Full PDB file with SEQRES, HELIX, SHEET, SSBOND, CRYST1, ORIGX, SCALE, CONECT and MASTER records, all heavy atoms in Angstrom:
SEQRES   1 A   33  ALA VAL VAL HIS HIS VAL ILE ALA PHE LEU ARG PRO PRO          
SEQRES   2 A   33  GLY SER PRO TRP MET ALA ASP ALA LYS PRO GLY VAL PRO          
SEQRES   3 A   33  PHE ILE PRO GLY ARG GLU GLN                                  
CRYST1    1.000    1.000    1.000  90.00  90.00  90.00 P 1           1          
ORIGX1      1.000000  0.000000  0.000000        0.00000                         
ORIGX2      0.000000  1.000000  0.000000        0.00000                         
ORIGX3      0.000000  0.000000  1.000000        0.00000                         
SCALE1      1.000000  0.000000  0.000000        0.00000                         
SCALE2      0.000000  1.000000  0.000000        0.00000                         
SCALE3      0.000000  0.000000  1.000000        0.00000                         
ATOM      1  N   ALA A   1       2.389 -12.465  17.162  1.00  0.00           N  
ATOM      2  CA  ALA A   1       1.451 -12.153  18.233  1.00  0.00           C  
ATOM      3  C   ALA A   1       0.514 -11.006  17.867  1.00  0.00           C  
ATOM      4  O   ALA A   1      -0.594 -10.914  18.395  1.00  0.00           O  
ATOM      5  CB  ALA A   1       2.203 -11.817  19.513  1.00  0.00           C  
ATOM      6  N   VAL A   2       0.928 -10.133  16.956  1.00  0.00           N  
ATOM      7  CA  VAL A   2       0.107  -8.966  16.607  1.00  0.00           C  
ATOM      8  C   VAL A   2      -0.233  -8.898  15.126  1.00  0.00           C  
ATOM      9  O   VAL A   2      -1.040  -8.060  14.720  1.00  0.00           O  
ATOM     10  CB  VAL A   2       0.801  -7.654  17.030  1.00  0.00           C  
ATOM     11  CG1 VAL A   2       0.896  -7.564  18.547  1.00  0.00           C  
ATOM     12  CG2 VAL A   2       2.182  -7.522  16.387  1.00  0.00           C  
ATOM     13  N   VAL A   3       0.366  -9.758  14.308  1.00  0.00           N  
ATOM     14  CA  VAL A   3       0.080  -9.739  12.871  1.00  0.00           C  
ATOM     15  C   VAL A   3      -1.171 -10.564  12.594  1.00  0.00           C  
ATOM     16  O   VAL A   3      -1.163 -11.788  12.714  1.00  0.00           O  
ATOM     17  CB  VAL A   3       1.267 -10.286  12.051  1.00  0.00           C  
ATOM     18  CG1 VAL A   3       0.896 -10.324  10.567  1.00  0.00           C  
ATOM     19  CG2 VAL A   3       2.504  -9.419  12.255  1.00  0.00           C  
ATOM     20  N   HIS A   4      -2.240  -9.888  12.251  1.00  0.00           N  
ATOM     21  CA  HIS A   4      -3.488 -10.584  11.923  1.00  0.00           C  
ATOM     22  C   HIS A   4      -3.415 -11.147  10.518  1.00  0.00           C  
ATOM     23  O   HIS A   4      -3.695 -12.312  10.284  1.00  0.00           O  
ATOM     24  CB  HIS A   4      -4.667  -9.618  12.039  1.00  0.00           C  
ATOM     25  CG  HIS A   4      -5.981 -10.233  11.681  1.00  0.00           C  
ATOM     26  ND1 HIS A   4      -6.440 -10.314  10.386  1.00  0.00           N  
ATOM     27  CD2 HIS A   4      -6.924 -10.821  12.458  1.00  0.00           C  
ATOM     28  CE1 HIS A   4      -7.619 -10.902  10.380  1.00  0.00           C  
ATOM     29  NE2 HIS A   4      -7.938 -11.222  11.622  1.00  0.00           N  
ATOM     30  N   HIS A   5      -3.042 -10.305   9.561  1.00  0.00           N  
ATOM     31  CA  HIS A   5      -2.796 -10.803   8.205  1.00  0.00           C  
ATOM     32  C   HIS A   5      -1.936  -9.808   7.435  1.00  0.00           C  
ATOM     33  O   HIS A   5      -1.823  -8.635   7.811  1.00  0.00           O  
ATOM     34  CB  HIS A   5      -4.108 -11.099   7.451  1.00  0.00           C  
ATOM     35  CG  HIS A   5      -4.792  -9.897   6.873  1.00  0.00           C  
ATOM     36  ND1 HIS A   5      -5.960  -9.373   7.377  1.00  0.00           N  
ATOM     37  CD2 HIS A   5      -4.479  -9.107   5.811  1.00  0.00           C  
ATOM     38  CE1 HIS A   5      -6.347  -8.333   6.658  1.00  0.00           C  
ATOM     39  NE2 HIS A   5      -5.454  -8.143   5.704  1.00  0.00           N  
ATOM     40  N   VAL A   6      -1.335 -10.318   6.384  1.00  0.00           N  
ATOM     41  CA  VAL A   6      -0.534  -9.504   5.465  1.00  0.00           C  
ATOM     42  C   VAL A   6      -0.888  -9.923   4.048  1.00  0.00           C  
ATOM     43  O   VAL A   6      -0.985 -11.122   3.752  1.00  0.00           O  
ATOM     44  CB  VAL A   6       0.982  -9.709   5.678  1.00  0.00           C  
ATOM     45  CG1 VAL A   6       1.787  -8.886   4.668  1.00  0.00           C  
ATOM     46  CG2 VAL A   6       1.394  -9.354   7.100  1.00  0.00           C  
ATOM     47  N   ILE A   7      -1.106  -8.948   3.178  1.00  0.00           N  
ATOM     48  CA  ILE A   7      -1.257  -9.239   1.750  1.00  0.00           C  
ATOM     49  C   ILE A   7      -0.199  -8.441   1.011  1.00  0.00           C  
ATOM     50  O   ILE A   7      -0.087  -7.225   1.185  1.00  0.00           O  
ATOM     51  CB  ILE A   7      -2.654  -8.878   1.219  1.00  0.00           C  
ATOM     52  CG1 ILE A   7      -3.730  -9.675   1.968  1.00  0.00           C  
ATOM     53  CG2 ILE A   7      -2.744  -9.168  -0.279  1.00  0.00           C  
ATOM     54  CD1 ILE A   7      -5.145  -9.361   1.517  1.00  0.00           C  
ATOM     55  N   ALA A   8       0.588  -9.130   0.205  1.00  0.00           N  
ATOM     56  CA  ALA A   8       1.631  -8.481  -0.591  1.00  0.00           C  
ATOM     57  C   ALA A   8       1.150  -8.364  -2.028  1.00  0.00           C  
ATOM     58  O   ALA A   8       0.928  -9.374  -2.696  1.00  0.00           O  
ATOM     59  CB  ALA A   8       2.931  -9.278  -0.522  1.00  0.00           C  
ATOM     60  N   PHE A   9       0.967  -7.130  -2.474  1.00  0.00           N  
ATOM     61  CA  PHE A   9       0.556  -6.852  -3.847  1.00  0.00           C  
ATOM     62  C   PHE A   9       1.777  -6.453  -4.680  1.00  0.00           C  
ATOM     63  O   PHE A   9       2.763  -5.932  -4.142  1.00  0.00           O  
ATOM     64  CB  PHE A   9      -0.463  -5.711  -3.897  1.00  0.00           C  
ATOM     65  CG  PHE A   9      -1.778  -6.017  -3.244  1.00  0.00           C  
ATOM     66  CD1 PHE A   9      -2.016  -5.642  -1.928  1.00  0.00           C  
ATOM     67  CD2 PHE A   9      -2.786  -6.657  -3.945  1.00  0.00           C  
ATOM     68  CE1 PHE A   9      -3.234  -5.903  -1.327  1.00  0.00           C  
ATOM     69  CE2 PHE A   9      -4.000  -6.929  -3.350  1.00  0.00           C  
ATOM     70  CZ  PHE A   9      -4.239  -6.555  -2.042  1.00  0.00           C  
ATOM     71  N   LEU A  10       1.676  -6.654  -5.977  1.00  0.00           N  
ATOM     72  CA  LEU A  10       2.665  -6.157  -6.922  1.00  0.00           C  
ATOM     73  C   LEU A  10       2.103  -4.904  -7.595  1.00  0.00           C  
ATOM     74  O   LEU A  10       0.978  -4.907  -8.089  1.00  0.00           O  
ATOM     75  CB  LEU A  10       2.976  -7.213  -7.989  1.00  0.00           C  
ATOM     76  CG  LEU A  10       3.686  -8.477  -7.507  1.00  0.00           C  
ATOM     77  CD1 LEU A  10       3.749  -9.498  -8.637  1.00  0.00           C  
ATOM     78  CD2 LEU A  10       5.082  -8.145  -7.006  1.00  0.00           C  
ATOM     79  N   ARG A  11       2.904  -3.838  -7.590  1.00  0.00           N  
ATOM     80  CA  ARG A  11       2.508  -2.617  -8.283  1.00  0.00           C  
ATOM     81  C   ARG A  11       3.505  -2.356  -9.405  1.00  0.00           C  
ATOM     82  O   ARG A  11       4.666  -2.027  -9.148  1.00  0.00           O  
ATOM     83  CB  ARG A  11       2.486  -1.427  -7.318  1.00  0.00           C  
ATOM     84  CG  ARG A  11       1.953  -0.160  -7.959  1.00  0.00           C  
ATOM     85  CD  ARG A  11       1.884   0.988  -6.966  1.00  0.00           C  
ATOM     86  NE  ARG A  11       3.222   1.466  -6.588  1.00  0.00           N  
ATOM     87  CZ  ARG A  11       3.430   2.540  -5.836  1.00  0.00           C  
ATOM     88  NH1 ARG A  11       2.398   3.227  -5.359  1.00  0.00           N  
ATOM     89  NH2 ARG A  11       4.662   2.921  -5.538  1.00  0.00           N  
ATOM     90  N   PRO A  12       3.071  -2.524 -10.654  1.00  0.00           N  
ATOM     91  CA  PRO A  12       4.013  -2.346 -11.767  1.00  0.00           C  
ATOM     92  C   PRO A  12       4.362  -0.879 -11.977  1.00  0.00           C  
ATOM     93  O   PRO A  12       3.657   0.017 -11.484  1.00  0.00           O  
ATOM     94  CB  PRO A  12       3.230  -2.901 -12.963  1.00  0.00           C  
ATOM     95  CG  PRO A  12       1.801  -2.707 -12.607  1.00  0.00           C  
ATOM     96  CD  PRO A  12       1.726  -2.903 -11.114  1.00  0.00           C  
ATOM     97  N   PRO A  13       5.437  -0.608 -12.694  1.00  0.00           N  
ATOM     98  CA  PRO A  13       5.826   0.782 -12.952  1.00  0.00           C  
ATOM     99  C   PRO A  13       4.702   1.545 -13.644  1.00  0.00           C  
ATOM    100  O   PRO A  13       4.030   1.014 -14.533  1.00  0.00           O  
ATOM    101  CB  PRO A  13       7.043   0.637 -13.881  1.00  0.00           C  
ATOM    102  CG  PRO A  13       7.540  -0.735 -13.660  1.00  0.00           C  
ATOM    103  CD  PRO A  13       6.353  -1.573 -13.328  1.00  0.00           C  
ATOM    104  N   GLY A  14       4.483   2.786 -13.214  1.00  0.00           N  
ATOM    105  CA  GLY A  14       3.465   3.621 -13.847  1.00  0.00           C  
ATOM    106  C   GLY A  14       2.073   3.449 -13.276  1.00  0.00           C  
ATOM    107  O   GLY A  14       1.153   4.182 -13.671  1.00  0.00           O  
ATOM    108  N   SER A  15       1.870   2.509 -12.377  1.00  0.00           N  
ATOM    109  CA  SER A  15       0.547   2.317 -11.793  1.00  0.00           C  
ATOM    110  C   SER A  15       0.163   3.525 -10.940  1.00  0.00           C  
ATOM    111  O   SER A  15       0.972   4.017 -10.159  1.00  0.00           O  
ATOM    112  CB  SER A  15       0.522   1.059 -10.931  1.00  0.00           C  
ATOM    113  OG  SER A  15      -0.689   0.988 -10.188  1.00  0.00           O  
ATOM    114  N   PRO A  16      -1.087   3.987 -11.062  1.00  0.00           N  
ATOM    115  CA  PRO A  16      -1.529   5.120 -10.238  1.00  0.00           C  
ATOM    116  C   PRO A  16      -1.926   4.719  -8.828  1.00  0.00           C  
ATOM    117  O   PRO A  16      -2.192   5.577  -7.989  1.00  0.00           O  
ATOM    118  CB  PRO A  16      -2.757   5.629 -11.012  1.00  0.00           C  
ATOM    119  CG  PRO A  16      -3.319   4.401 -11.658  1.00  0.00           C  
ATOM    120  CD  PRO A  16      -2.112   3.567 -12.037  1.00  0.00           C  
ATOM    121  N   TRP A  17      -1.951   3.434  -8.541  1.00  0.00           N  
ATOM    122  CA  TRP A  17      -2.415   2.948  -7.236  1.00  0.00           C  
ATOM    123  C   TRP A  17      -1.428   3.346  -6.145  1.00  0.00           C  
ATOM    124  O   TRP A  17      -0.222   3.160  -6.282  1.00  0.00           O  
ATOM    125  CB  TRP A  17      -2.577   1.431  -7.294  1.00  0.00           C  
ATOM    126  CG  TRP A  17      -3.193   0.839  -6.063  1.00  0.00           C  
ATOM    127  CD1 TRP A  17      -4.314   1.265  -5.430  1.00  0.00           C  
ATOM    128  CD2 TRP A  17      -2.709  -0.282  -5.334  1.00  0.00           C  
ATOM    129  NE1 TRP A  17      -4.570   0.472  -4.332  1.00  0.00           N  
ATOM    130  CE2 TRP A  17      -3.603  -0.495  -4.251  1.00  0.00           C  
ATOM    131  CE3 TRP A  17      -1.627  -1.147  -5.485  1.00  0.00           C  
ATOM    132  CZ2 TRP A  17      -3.444  -1.527  -3.328  1.00  0.00           C  
ATOM    133  CZ3 TRP A  17      -1.462  -2.174  -4.571  1.00  0.00           C  
ATOM    134  CH2 TRP A  17      -2.363  -2.358  -3.507  1.00  0.00           C  
ATOM    135  N   MET A  18      -1.914   3.896  -5.071  1.00  0.00           N  
ATOM    136  CA  MET A  18      -1.116   4.329  -3.921  1.00  0.00           C  
ATOM    137  C   MET A  18      -0.034   5.334  -4.341  1.00  0.00           C  
ATOM    138  O   MET A  18       1.088   5.328  -3.826  1.00  0.00           O  
ATOM    139  CB  MET A  18      -0.451   3.127  -3.228  1.00  0.00           C  
ATOM    140  CG  MET A  18      -1.419   2.116  -2.676  1.00  0.00           C  
ATOM    141  SD  MET A  18      -2.225   2.710  -1.182  1.00  0.00           S  
ATOM    142  CE  MET A  18      -3.385   1.376  -0.902  1.00  0.00           C  
ATOM    143  N   ALA A  19      -0.398   6.215  -5.266  1.00  0.00           N  
ATOM    144  CA  ALA A  19       0.585   7.164  -5.798  1.00  0.00           C  
ATOM    145  C   ALA A  19       1.108   8.105  -4.731  1.00  0.00           C  
ATOM    146  O   ALA A  19       2.226   8.631  -4.835  1.00  0.00           O  
ATOM    147  CB  ALA A  19      -0.033   7.955  -6.946  1.00  0.00           C  
ATOM    148  N   ASP A  20       0.309   8.344  -3.675  1.00  0.00           N  
ATOM    149  CA  ASP A  20       0.725   9.285  -2.631  1.00  0.00           C  
ATOM    150  C   ASP A  20       1.596   8.649  -1.555  1.00  0.00           C  
ATOM    151  O   ASP A  20       2.095   9.345  -0.670  1.00  0.00           O  
ATOM    152  CB  ASP A  20      -0.520   9.895  -1.967  1.00  0.00           C  
ATOM    153  CG  ASP A  20      -1.345  10.734  -2.931  1.00  0.00           C  
ATOM    154  OD1 ASP A  20      -0.759  11.238  -3.903  1.00  0.00           O  
ATOM    155  OD2 ASP A  20      -2.570  10.858  -2.714  1.00  0.00           O  
ATOM    156  N   ALA A  21       1.754   7.331  -1.605  1.00  0.00           N  
ATOM    157  CA  ALA A  21       2.522   6.638  -0.568  1.00  0.00           C  
ATOM    158  C   ALA A  21       4.027   6.803  -0.817  1.00  0.00           C  
ATOM    159  O   ALA A  21       4.505   6.652  -1.945  1.00  0.00           O  
ATOM    160  CB  ALA A  21       2.154   5.161  -0.544  1.00  0.00           C  
ATOM    161  N   LYS A  22       4.772   7.089   0.262  1.00  0.00           N  
ATOM    162  CA  LYS A  22       6.223   7.186   0.173  1.00  0.00           C  
ATOM    163  C   LYS A  22       6.841   5.835   0.512  1.00  0.00           C  
ATOM    164  O   LYS A  22       6.443   5.202   1.499  1.00  0.00           O  
ATOM    165  CB  LYS A  22       6.743   8.259   1.134  1.00  0.00           C  
ATOM    166  CG  LYS A  22       6.254   9.660   0.815  1.00  0.00           C  
ATOM    167  CD  LYS A  22       6.815  10.660   1.815  1.00  0.00           C  
ATOM    168  CE  LYS A  22       6.329  12.068   1.497  1.00  0.00           C  
ATOM    169  NZ  LYS A  22       6.840  13.064   2.484  1.00  0.00           N  
ATOM    170  N   PRO A  23       7.795   5.357  -0.278  1.00  0.00           N  
ATOM    171  CA  PRO A  23       8.421   4.053  -0.004  1.00  0.00           C  
ATOM    172  C   PRO A  23       8.946   3.963   1.423  1.00  0.00           C  
ATOM    173  O   PRO A  23       9.596   4.880   1.929  1.00  0.00           O  
ATOM    174  CB  PRO A  23       9.560   3.993  -1.026  1.00  0.00           C  
ATOM    175  CG  PRO A  23       9.096   4.853  -2.152  1.00  0.00           C  
ATOM    176  CD  PRO A  23       8.334   5.981  -1.498  1.00  0.00           C  
ATOM    177  N   GLY A  24       8.619   2.843   2.079  1.00  0.00           N  
ATOM    178  CA  GLY A  24       9.126   2.582   3.420  1.00  0.00           C  
ATOM    179  C   GLY A  24       8.382   3.257   4.544  1.00  0.00           C  
ATOM    180  O   GLY A  24       8.698   3.031   5.722  1.00  0.00           O  
ATOM    181  N   VAL A  25       7.366   4.053   4.228  1.00  0.00           N  
ATOM    182  CA  VAL A  25       6.623   4.790   5.263  1.00  0.00           C  
ATOM    183  C   VAL A  25       5.190   4.260   5.316  1.00  0.00           C  
ATOM    184  O   VAL A  25       4.482   4.287   4.311  1.00  0.00           O  
ATOM    185  CB  VAL A  25       6.599   6.304   4.959  1.00  0.00           C  
ATOM    186  CG1 VAL A  25       5.808   7.050   6.039  1.00  0.00           C  
ATOM    187  CG2 VAL A  25       8.017   6.843   4.854  1.00  0.00           C  
ATOM    188  N   PRO A  26       4.723   3.770   6.475  1.00  0.00           N  
ATOM    189  CA  PRO A  26       3.347   3.271   6.571  1.00  0.00           C  
ATOM    190  C   PRO A  26       2.337   4.327   6.141  1.00  0.00           C  
ATOM    191  O   PRO A  26       2.470   5.518   6.470  1.00  0.00           O  
ATOM    192  CB  PRO A  26       3.197   2.935   8.063  1.00  0.00           C  
ATOM    193  CG  PRO A  26       4.593   2.660   8.526  1.00  0.00           C  
ATOM    194  CD  PRO A  26       5.455   3.607   7.744  1.00  0.00           C  
ATOM    195  N   PHE A  27       1.322   3.895   5.397  1.00  0.00           N  
ATOM    196  CA  PHE A  27       0.383   4.805   4.750  1.00  0.00           C  
ATOM    197  C   PHE A  27      -1.030   4.282   4.979  1.00  0.00           C  
ATOM    198  O   PHE A  27      -1.291   3.080   4.829  1.00  0.00           O  
ATOM    199  CB  PHE A  27       0.706   4.863   3.255  1.00  0.00           C  
ATOM    200  CG  PHE A  27      -0.198   5.761   2.446  1.00  0.00           C  
ATOM    201  CD1 PHE A  27      -0.156   7.140   2.592  1.00  0.00           C  
ATOM    202  CD2 PHE A  27      -1.074   5.214   1.518  1.00  0.00           C  
ATOM    203  CE1 PHE A  27      -0.968   7.956   1.829  1.00  0.00           C  
ATOM    204  CE2 PHE A  27      -1.888   6.027   0.741  1.00  0.00           C  
ATOM    205  CZ  PHE A  27      -1.842   7.409   0.899  1.00  0.00           C  
ATOM    206  N   ILE A  28      -1.952   5.161   5.379  1.00  0.00           N  
ATOM    207  CA  ILE A  28      -3.352   4.781   5.559  1.00  0.00           C  
ATOM    208  C   ILE A  28      -4.162   5.524   4.500  1.00  0.00           C  
ATOM    209  O   ILE A  28      -4.455   6.721   4.646  1.00  0.00           O  
ATOM    210  CB  ILE A  28      -3.857   5.118   6.969  1.00  0.00           C  
ATOM    211  CG1 ILE A  28      -3.010   4.397   8.023  1.00  0.00           C  
ATOM    212  CG2 ILE A  28      -5.332   4.735   7.115  1.00  0.00           C  
ATOM    213  CD1 ILE A  28      -3.402   4.726   9.454  1.00  0.00           C  
ATOM    214  N   PRO A  29      -4.525   4.847   3.408  1.00  0.00           N  
ATOM    215  CA  PRO A  29      -5.226   5.516   2.311  1.00  0.00           C  
ATOM    216  C   PRO A  29      -6.723   5.617   2.579  1.00  0.00           C  
ATOM    217  O   PRO A  29      -7.261   4.989   3.496  1.00  0.00           O  
ATOM    218  CB  PRO A  29      -4.953   4.587   1.132  1.00  0.00           C  
ATOM    219  CG  PRO A  29      -4.886   3.231   1.764  1.00  0.00           C  
ATOM    220  CD  PRO A  29      -4.250   3.442   3.118  1.00  0.00           C  
ATOM    221  N   GLY A  30      -7.386   6.392   1.750  1.00  0.00           N  
ATOM    222  CA  GLY A  30      -8.838   6.421   1.780  1.00  0.00           C  
ATOM    223  C   GLY A  30      -9.395   5.125   1.219  1.00  0.00           C  
ATOM    224  O   GLY A  30      -8.708   4.379   0.521  1.00  0.00           O  
ATOM    225  N   ARG A  31     -10.666   4.850   1.500  1.00  0.00           N  
ATOM    226  CA  ARG A  31     -11.282   3.592   1.088  1.00  0.00           C  
ATOM    227  C   ARG A  31     -11.204   3.387  -0.425  1.00  0.00           C  
ATOM    228  O   ARG A  31     -10.976   2.283  -0.906  1.00  0.00           O  
ATOM    229  CB  ARG A  31     -12.736   3.548   1.554  1.00  0.00           C  
ATOM    230  CG  ARG A  31     -13.446   2.240   1.246  1.00  0.00           C  
ATOM    231  CD  ARG A  31     -14.855   2.251   1.816  1.00  0.00           C  
ATOM    232  NE  ARG A  31     -14.844   2.288   3.266  1.00  0.00           N  
ATOM    233  CZ  ARG A  31     -14.811   1.190   4.023  1.00  0.00           C  
ATOM    234  NH1 ARG A  31     -14.782  -0.003   3.462  1.00  0.00           N  
ATOM    235  NH2 ARG A  31     -14.817   1.296   5.338  1.00  0.00           N  
ATOM    236  N   GLU A  32     -11.364   4.473  -1.198  1.00  0.00           N  
ATOM    237  CA  GLU A  32     -11.376   4.329  -2.660  1.00  0.00           C  
ATOM    238  C   GLU A  32     -10.000   3.979  -3.218  1.00  0.00           C  
ATOM    239  O   GLU A  32      -9.882   3.515  -4.345  1.00  0.00           O  
ATOM    240  CB  GLU A  32     -11.889   5.611  -3.316  1.00  0.00           C  
ATOM    241  CG  GLU A  32     -10.945   6.803  -3.218  1.00  0.00           C  
ATOM    242  CD  GLU A  32     -10.971   7.470  -1.833  1.00  0.00           C  
ATOM    243  OE1 GLU A  32     -11.814   7.083  -0.996  1.00  0.00           O  
ATOM    244  OE2 GLU A  32     -10.134   8.368  -1.604  1.00  0.00           O  
ATOM    245  N   GLN A  33      -8.946   4.197  -2.430  1.00  0.00           N  
ATOM    246  CA  GLN A  33      -7.593   3.910  -2.912  1.00  0.00           C  
ATOM    247  C   GLN A  33      -7.111   2.514  -2.532  1.00  0.00           C  
ATOM    248  O   GLN A  33      -6.058   2.082  -2.975  1.00  0.00           O  
ATOM    249  CB  GLN A  33      -6.602   4.916  -2.314  1.00  0.00           C  
ATOM    250  CG  GLN A  33      -6.866   6.366  -2.657  1.00  0.00           C  
ATOM    251  CD  GLN A  33      -5.828   7.246  -2.015  1.00  0.00           C  
ATOM    252  OE1 GLN A  33      -4.637   7.129  -2.287  1.00  0.00           O  
ATOM    253  NE2 GLN A  33      -6.258   8.135  -1.131  1.00  0.00           N  
TER     254      GLN A  33                                                      
MASTER        0    0    0    0    0    0    0    6  253    1    0    3          
END                                                                             
């Protein structure tokens, strides 16, 4: 009823993408991230 869409990405070990995100905690990054 509230899920518009979900995209599941794979982040390999060592990737700098979303480096500030803590596992299991919802994170709202800046546009460049």
